[in-house]
Amino acid sequence: MRITRAMVGVAMVGTAVMFAGCGESSASENTLGPQQAAAGQPVTLTDGQILGVLLVANAGEVMLGQVGQAQATDPTARDFNARMVTMHSEVIKRLEQLAMAQGIAPAESPVSQHLEQTAQKTVDLVSATQAPAFDLSVMDAQVAAHAGTALLGDSLLAMQVQNPALKDELMAIRKTVQAHLQEASNIQTTLFNAKQP
């Protein structure tokens, strides 16, 4: 199956929308640009670029988790975010060790650059949210972040990774992301239902 810029563009715009919720993100902010996405050119990533994407995605989770840990008032949301800081920091360490052991240098790509920009915008948006809306806002962002990472992993990274050790780590990360997504979604639903009259 050929992955085109159009498919990645759709996935990344969807990820940006999920990350930012109802924020200010738009398709025109897509790093690939609508012209390149429409051109249908294949998007290929090296193992170094895939590693770069994974490092950026996990760093974004750490940043978001730190904000949630510091500002959440709901104990479940606060604890979840604290665990995200710990767990995603551990993944970053594993990825760095894998890079050294396998001789893979992390590299930037339009995908990792887009993720980095989106994560920063999301953290800024969530940080500016005041109580009582903060807890639901940070959990919305956690659901979006994990869903976006899962989508990107399934639709692009897993199909292109070459190094067997990196592939194994990617599959382990994907399984963890799914568990985090389910837990974040459950907390999000509970917080949403608690707000209803």
C-alpha atoms as a PDB file:
ATOM      1  CA  MET A   1       0.000   0.000   0.000  1.00  0.00           C
ATOM      2  CA  ARG A   2       1.376   3.381  -1.002  1.00  0.00           C
ATOM      3  CA  ILE A   3       1.196   6.164   1.592  1.00  0.00           C
ATOM      4  CA  THR A   4       0.736   9.509  -0.089  1.00  0.00           C
ATOM      5  CA  ARG A   5       1.141  13.035   1.172  1.00  0.00           C
ATOM      6  CA  ALA A   6      -2.629  13.391   0.824  1.00  0.00           C
ATOM      7  CA  MET A   7      -3.226  10.522   3.270  1.00  0.00           C
ATOM      8  CA  VAL A   8      -0.643  11.840   5.721  1.00  0.00           C
ATOM      9  CA  GLY A   9      -2.072  15.329   5.310  1.00  0.00           C
ATOM     10  CA  VAL A  10      -5.528  14.069   6.229  1.00  0.00           C
ATOM     11  CA  ALA A  11      -4.144  12.167   9.241  1.00  0.00           C
ATOM     12  CA  MET A  12      -2.087  15.144  10.407  1.00  0.00           C
ATOM     13  CA  VAL A  13      -4.922  17.642   9.991  1.00  0.00           C
ATOM     14  CA  GLY A  14      -7.131  15.233  11.937  1.00  0.00           C
ATOM     15  CA  THR A  15      -4.463  14.962  14.595  1.00  0.00           C
ATOM     16  CA  ALA A  16      -4.161  18.750  14.799  1.00  0.00           C
ATOM     17  CA  VAL A  17      -7.907  19.091  15.179  1.00  0.00           C
ATOM     18  CA  MET A  18      -7.953  16.383  17.844  1.00  0.00           C
ATOM     19  CA  PHE A  19      -4.985  17.899  19.683  1.00  0.00           C
ATOM     20  CA  ALA A  20      -6.384  21.394  19.662  1.00  0.00           C
ATOM     21  CA  GLY A  21     -10.014  20.492  20.181  1.00  0.00           C
ATOM     22  CA  CYS A  22     -11.937  23.587  19.215  1.00  0.00           C
ATOM     23  CA  GLY A  23      -8.771  25.665  19.195  1.00  0.00           C
ATOM     24  CA  GLU A  24      -7.291  27.763  16.449  1.00  0.00           C
ATOM     25  CA  SER A  25      -5.688  25.002  14.379  1.00  0.00           C
ATOM     26  CA  SER A  26      -6.674  24.844  10.731  1.00  0.00           C
ATOM     27  CA  ALA A  27      -5.800  22.880   7.641  1.00  0.00           C
ATOM     28  CA  SER A  28      -3.707  25.810   6.419  1.00  0.00           C
ATOM     29  CA  GLU A  29      -1.319  25.175   9.323  1.00  0.00           C
ATOM     30  CA  ASN A  30      -0.549  21.670   8.037  1.00  0.00           C
ATOM     31  CA  THR A  31       3.240  21.494   7.716  1.00  0.00           C
ATOM     32  CA  LEU A  32       2.972  19.584   4.453  1.00  0.00           C
ATOM     33  CA  GLY A  33       0.743  22.293   2.964  1.00  0.00           C
ATOM     34  CA  PRO A  34      -2.420  21.688   1.008  1.00  0.00           C
ATOM     35  CA  GLN A  35      -0.592  21.806  -2.349  1.00  0.00           C
ATOM     36  CA  GLN A  36       1.827  19.036  -1.412  1.00  0.00           C
ATOM     37  CA  ALA A  37      -0.956  16.988   0.182  1.00  0.00           C
ATOM     38  CA  ALA A  38      -3.063  17.295  -2.947  1.00  0.00           C
ATOM     39  CA  ALA A  39      -0.149  16.312  -5.163  1.00  0.00           C
ATOM     40  CA  GLY A  40      -0.372  12.712  -3.940  1.00  0.00           C
ATOM     41  CA  GLN A  41       3.384  12.415  -3.565  1.00  0.00           C
ATOM     42  CA  PRO A  42       4.574   9.496  -1.444  1.00  0.00           C
ATOM     43  CA  VAL A  43       5.706  10.264   2.097  1.00  0.00           C
ATOM     44  CA  THR A  44       8.605   8.114   3.114  1.00  0.00           C
ATOM     45  CA  LEU A  45      10.377   8.206   6.455  1.00  0.00           C
ATOM     46  CA  THR A  46      13.729   6.717   7.347  1.00  0.00           C
ATOM     47  CA  ASP A  47      14.164   4.827  10.600  1.00  0.00           C
ATOM     48  CA  GLY A  48      15.904   7.929  11.975  1.00  0.00           C
ATOM     49  CA  GLN A  49      12.878  10.045  11.083  1.00  0.00           C
ATOM     50  CA  ILE A  50      10.519   7.476  12.595  1.00  0.00           C
ATOM     51  CA  LEU A  51      12.599   7.573  15.758  1.00  0.00           C
ATOM     52  CA  GLY A  52      12.377  11.377  15.653  1.00  0.00           C
ATOM     53  CA  VAL A  53       8.578  11.212  15.393  1.00  0.00           C
ATOM     54  CA  LEU A  54       8.384   8.840  18.366  1.00  0.00           C
ATOM     55  CA  LEU A  55      10.645  11.056  20.487  1.00  0.00           C
ATOM     56  CA  VAL A  56       8.606  14.172  19.667  1.00  0.00           C
ATOM     57  CA  ALA A  57       5.277  12.423  20.317  1.00  0.00           C
ATOM     58  CA  ASN A  58       6.455  11.219  23.717  1.00  0.00           C
ATOM     59  CA  ALA A  59       7.991  14.598  24.610  1.00  0.00           C
ATOM     60  CA  GLY A  60       4.626  16.188  23.795  1.00  0.00           C
ATOM     61  CA  GLU A  61       2.926  13.774  26.168  1.00  0.00           C
ATOM     62  CA  VAL A  62       5.404  14.651  28.905  1.00  0.00           C
ATOM     63  CA  MET A  63       4.741  18.383  28.433  1.00  0.00           C
ATOM     64  CA  LEU A  64       0.975  17.898  28.448  1.00  0.00           C
ATOM     65  CA  GLY A  65       1.192  15.591  31.457  1.00  0.00           C
ATOM     66  CA  GLN A  66       3.229  18.149  33.392  1.00  0.00           C
ATOM     67  CA  VAL A  67       0.557  20.791  32.822  1.00  0.00           C
ATOM     68  CA  GLY A  68      -2.190  18.366  33.826  1.00  0.00           C
ATOM     69  CA  GLN A  69      -0.309  17.204  36.899  1.00  0.00           C
ATOM     70  CA  ALA A  70       0.241  20.797  38.048  1.00  0.00           C
ATOM     71  CA  GLN A  71      -3.191  22.258  37.305  1.00  0.00           C
ATOM     72  CA  ALA A  72      -5.805  19.482  37.490  1.00  0.00           C
ATOM     73  CA  THR A  73      -8.112  19.574  40.487  1.00  0.00           C
ATOM     74  CA  ASP A  74      -9.766  16.207  39.872  1.00  0.00           C
ATOM     75  CA  PRO A  75      -7.568  13.553  41.547  1.00  0.00           C
ATOM     76  CA  THR A  76      -8.120  11.004  38.757  1.00  0.00           C
ATOM     77  CA  ALA A  77      -7.142  13.488  36.053  1.00  0.00           C
ATOM     78  CA  ARG A  78      -4.146  14.695  38.088  1.00  0.00           C
ATOM     79  CA  ASP A  79      -2.940  11.130  38.755  1.00  0.00           C
ATOM     80  CA  PHE A  80      -3.357  10.127  35.106  1.00  0.00           C
ATOM     81  CA  ASN A  81      -1.296  13.102  33.971  1.00  0.00           C
ATOM     82  CA  ALA A  82       1.399  12.385  36.560  1.00  0.00           C
ATOM     83  CA  ARG A  83       1.660   8.826  35.246  1.00  0.00           C
ATOM     84  CA  MET A  84       1.897  10.116  31.682  1.00  0.00           C
ATOM     85  CA  VAL A  85       4.936  12.192  32.682  1.00  0.00           C
ATOM     86  CA  THR A  86       6.604   9.148  34.220  1.00  0.00           C
ATOM     87  CA  MET A  87       5.663   6.600  31.575  1.00  0.00           C
ATOM     88  CA  HIS A  88       6.411   8.727  28.512  1.00  0.00           C
ATOM     89  CA  SER A  89       9.718   9.851  30.049  1.00  0.00           C
ATOM     90  CA  GLU A  90      10.598   6.162  30.395  1.00  0.00           C
ATOM     91  CA  VAL A  91       9.708   5.585  26.729  1.00  0.00           C
ATOM     92  CA  ILE A  92      11.997   8.463  25.711  1.00  0.00           C
ATOM     93  CA  LYS A  93      14.851   6.853  27.685  1.00  0.00           C
ATOM     94  CA  ARG A  94      14.199   3.490  26.010  1.00  0.00           C
ATOM     95  CA  LEU A  95      14.168   5.128  22.583  1.00  0.00           C
ATOM     96  CA  GLU A  96      17.433   6.929  23.306  1.00  0.00           C
ATOM     97  CA  GLN A  97      19.037   3.668  24.445  1.00  0.00           C
ATOM     98  CA  LEU A  98      17.728   1.885  21.350  1.00  0.00           C
ATOM     99  CA  ALA A  99      19.124   4.648  19.128  1.00  0.00           C
ATOM    100  CA  MET A 100      22.565   4.236  20.665  1.00  0.00           C
ATOM    101  CA  ALA A 101      22.495   0.442  20.564  1.00  0.00           C
ATOM    102  CA  GLN A 102      21.265   0.295  16.964  1.00  0.00           C
ATOM    103  CA  GLY A 103      23.232   3.259  15.649  1.00  0.00           C
ATOM    104  CA  ILE A 104      20.116   5.142  14.545  1.00  0.00           C
ATOM    105  CA  ALA A 105      20.378   8.923  14.712  1.00  0.00           C
ATOM    106  CA  PRO A 106      17.026  10.645  15.341  1.00  0.00           C
ATOM    107  CA  ALA A 107      16.143  12.917  12.432  1.00  0.00           C
ATOM    108  CA  GLU A 108      13.573  15.621  11.830  1.00  0.00           C
ATOM    109  CA  SER A 109      10.860  15.325   9.215  1.00  0.00           C
ATOM    110  CA  PRO A 110       7.756  17.324   8.283  1.00  0.00           C
ATOM    111  CA  VAL A 111       5.811  14.853  10.438  1.00  0.00           C
ATOM    112  CA  SER A 112       7.906  15.400  13.572  1.00  0.00           C
ATOM    113  CA  GLN A 113       7.952  19.172  12.996  1.00  0.00           C
ATOM    114  CA  HIS A 114       4.169  19.225  12.712  1.00  0.00           C
ATOM    115  CA  LEU A 115       3.781  17.138  15.857  1.00  0.00           C
ATOM    116  CA  GLU A 116       6.124  19.424  17.779  1.00  0.00           C
ATOM    117  CA  GLN A 117       4.226  22.544  16.724  1.00  0.00           C
ATOM    118  CA  THR A 118       0.869  20.945  17.469  1.00  0.00           C
ATOM    119  CA  ALA A 119       1.982  19.716  20.899  1.00  0.00           C
ATOM    120  CA  GLN A 120       3.206  23.190  21.852  1.00  0.00           C
ATOM    121  CA  LYS A 121      -0.037  24.821  20.686  1.00  0.00           C
ATOM    122  CA  THR A 122      -2.026  22.247  22.623  1.00  0.00           C
ATOM    123  CA  VAL A 123      -0.018  22.785  25.811  1.00  0.00           C
ATOM    124  CA  ASP A 124      -0.419  26.557  25.441  1.00  0.00           C
ATOM    125  CA  LEU A 125      -4.166  26.230  24.878  1.00  0.00           C
ATOM    126  CA  VAL A 126      -4.707  23.837  27.787  1.00  0.00           C
ATOM    127  CA  SER A 127      -2.454  25.874  30.104  1.00  0.00           C
ATOM    128  CA  ALA A 128      -4.599  28.939  29.496  1.00  0.00           C
ATOM    129  CA  THR A 129      -7.799  27.098  30.434  1.00  0.00           C
ATOM    130  CA  GLN A 130      -9.087  27.970  33.875  1.00  0.00           C
ATOM    131  CA  ALA A 131     -10.957  25.847  36.402  1.00  0.00           C
ATOM    132  CA  PRO A 132     -13.536  24.398  36.357  1.00  0.00           C
ATOM    133  CA  ALA A 133     -13.054  23.712  32.636  1.00  0.00           C
ATOM    134  CA  PHE A 134      -9.385  22.725  32.955  1.00  0.00           C
ATOM    135  CA  ASP A 135      -9.792  19.078  33.989  1.00  0.00           C
ATOM    136  CA  LEU A 136     -12.026  18.193  31.043  1.00  0.00           C
ATOM    137  CA  SER A 137      -9.857  20.259  28.697  1.00  0.00           C
ATOM    138  CA  VAL A 138      -6.654  18.441  29.638  1.00  0.00           C
ATOM    139  CA  MET A 139      -8.356  15.059  29.331  1.00  0.00           C
ATOM    140  CA  ASP A 140      -9.781  16.044  25.929  1.00  0.00           C
ATOM    141  CA  ALA A 141      -6.211  16.863  24.908  1.00  0.00           C
ATOM    142  CA  GLN A 142      -4.906  13.561  26.310  1.00  0.00           C
ATOM    143  CA  VAL A 143      -7.502  11.593  24.345  1.00  0.00           C
ATOM    144  CA  ALA A 144      -6.666  13.526  21.185  1.00  0.00           C
ATOM    145  CA  ALA A 145      -2.906  13.153  21.669  1.00  0.00           C
ATOM    146  CA  HIS A 146      -3.079   9.400  22.178  1.00  0.00           C
ATOM    147  CA  ALA A 147      -5.591   8.896  19.352  1.00  0.00           C
ATOM    148  CA  GLY A 148      -3.414  10.960  17.028  1.00  0.00           C
ATOM    149  CA  THR A 149      -0.298   8.993  17.937  1.00  0.00           C
ATOM    150  CA  ALA A 150      -2.135   5.700  17.402  1.00  0.00           C
ATOM    151  CA  LEU A 151      -3.408   6.857  14.008  1.00  0.00           C
ATOM    152  CA  LEU A 152       0.007   8.056  12.894  1.00  0.00           C
ATOM    153  CA  GLY A 153       1.652   4.859  14.108  1.00  0.00           C
ATOM    154  CA  ASP A 154      -0.837   2.627  12.326  1.00  0.00           C
ATOM    155  CA  SER A 155      -1.155   4.618   9.104  1.00  0.00           C
ATOM    156  CA  LEU A 156       2.474   5.540   8.518  1.00  0.00           C
ATOM    157  CA  LEU A 157       5.173   4.513  10.992  1.00  0.00           C
ATOM    158  CA  ALA A 158       4.424   0.791  11.296  1.00  0.00           C
ATOM    159  CA  MET A 159       4.280   0.454   7.510  1.00  0.00           C
ATOM    160  CA  GLN A 160       7.716   1.975   6.950  1.00  0.00           C
ATOM    161  CA  VAL A 161       9.920   1.001   9.900  1.00  0.00           C
ATOM    162  CA  GLN A 162      12.825  -1.206   8.818  1.00  0.00           C
ATOM    163  CA  ASN A 163      15.005  -1.837  11.876  1.00  0.00           C
ATOM    164  CA  PRO A 164      13.668  -4.893  13.768  1.00  0.00           C
ATOM    165  CA  ALA A 165      14.472  -3.482  17.230  1.00  0.00           C
ATOM    166  CA  LEU A 166      12.798  -0.183  16.378  1.00  0.00           C
ATOM    167  CA  LYS A 167       9.801  -2.057  14.997  1.00  0.00           C
ATOM    168  CA  ASP A 168       9.485  -4.060  18.217  1.00  0.00           C
ATOM    169  CA  GLU A 169       9.657  -0.864  20.273  1.00  0.00           C
ATOM    170  CA  LEU A 170       7.087   0.808  18.019  1.00  0.00           C
ATOM    171  CA  MET A 171       4.708  -2.119  18.551  1.00  0.00           C
ATOM    172  CA  ALA A 172       5.227  -1.970  22.328  1.00  0.00           C
ATOM    173  CA  ILE A 173       4.569   1.786  22.296  1.00  0.00           C
ATOM    174  CA  ARG A 174       1.435   1.258  20.208  1.00  0.00           C
ATOM    175  CA  LYS A 175       0.050  -1.197  22.754  1.00  0.00           C
ATOM    176  CA  THR A 176       0.756   1.231  25.610  1.00  0.00           C
ATOM    177  CA  VAL A 177      -0.784   4.133  23.692  1.00  0.00           C
ATOM    178  CA  GLN A 178      -3.975   2.122  23.228  1.00  0.00           C
ATOM    179  CA  ALA A 179      -4.190   1.426  26.966  1.00  0.00           C
ATOM    180  CA  HIS A 180      -3.583   5.124  27.756  1.00  0.00           C
ATOM    181  CA  LEU A 181      -6.202   6.133  25.184  1.00  0.00           C
ATOM    182  CA  GLN A 182      -8.809   3.881  26.769  1.00  0.00           C
ATOM    183  CA  GLU A 183      -8.053   5.120  30.275  1.00  0.00           C
ATOM    184  CA  ALA A 184      -8.033   8.779  29.197  1.00  0.00           C
ATOM    185  CA  SER A 185     -11.316   8.289  27.361  1.00  0.00           C
ATOM    186  CA  ASN A 186     -12.924   6.778  30.466  1.00  0.00           C
ATOM    187  CA  ILE A 187     -11.776   9.717  32.622  1.00  0.00           C
ATOM    188  CA  GLN A 188     -12.932  12.166  29.957  1.00  0.00           C
ATOM    189  CA  THR A 189     -16.394  10.564  29.886  1.00  0.00           C
ATOM    190  CA  THR A 190     -16.675  10.622  33.685  1.00  0.00           C
ATOM    191  CA  LEU A 191     -15.689  14.296  33.842  1.00  0.00           C
ATOM    192  CA  PHE A 192     -18.063  15.184  31.001  1.00  0.00           C
ATOM    193  CA  ASN A 193     -20.981  13.350  32.629  1.00  0.00           C
ATOM    194  CA  ALA A 194     -20.276  15.057  35.957  1.00  0.00           C
ATOM    195  CA  LYS A 195     -20.760  18.450  34.265  1.00  0.00           C
ATOM    196  CA  GLN A 196     -24.187  17.550  32.915  1.00  0.00           C
ATOM    197  CA  PRO A 197     -27.273  18.786  34.814  1.00  0.00           C
END
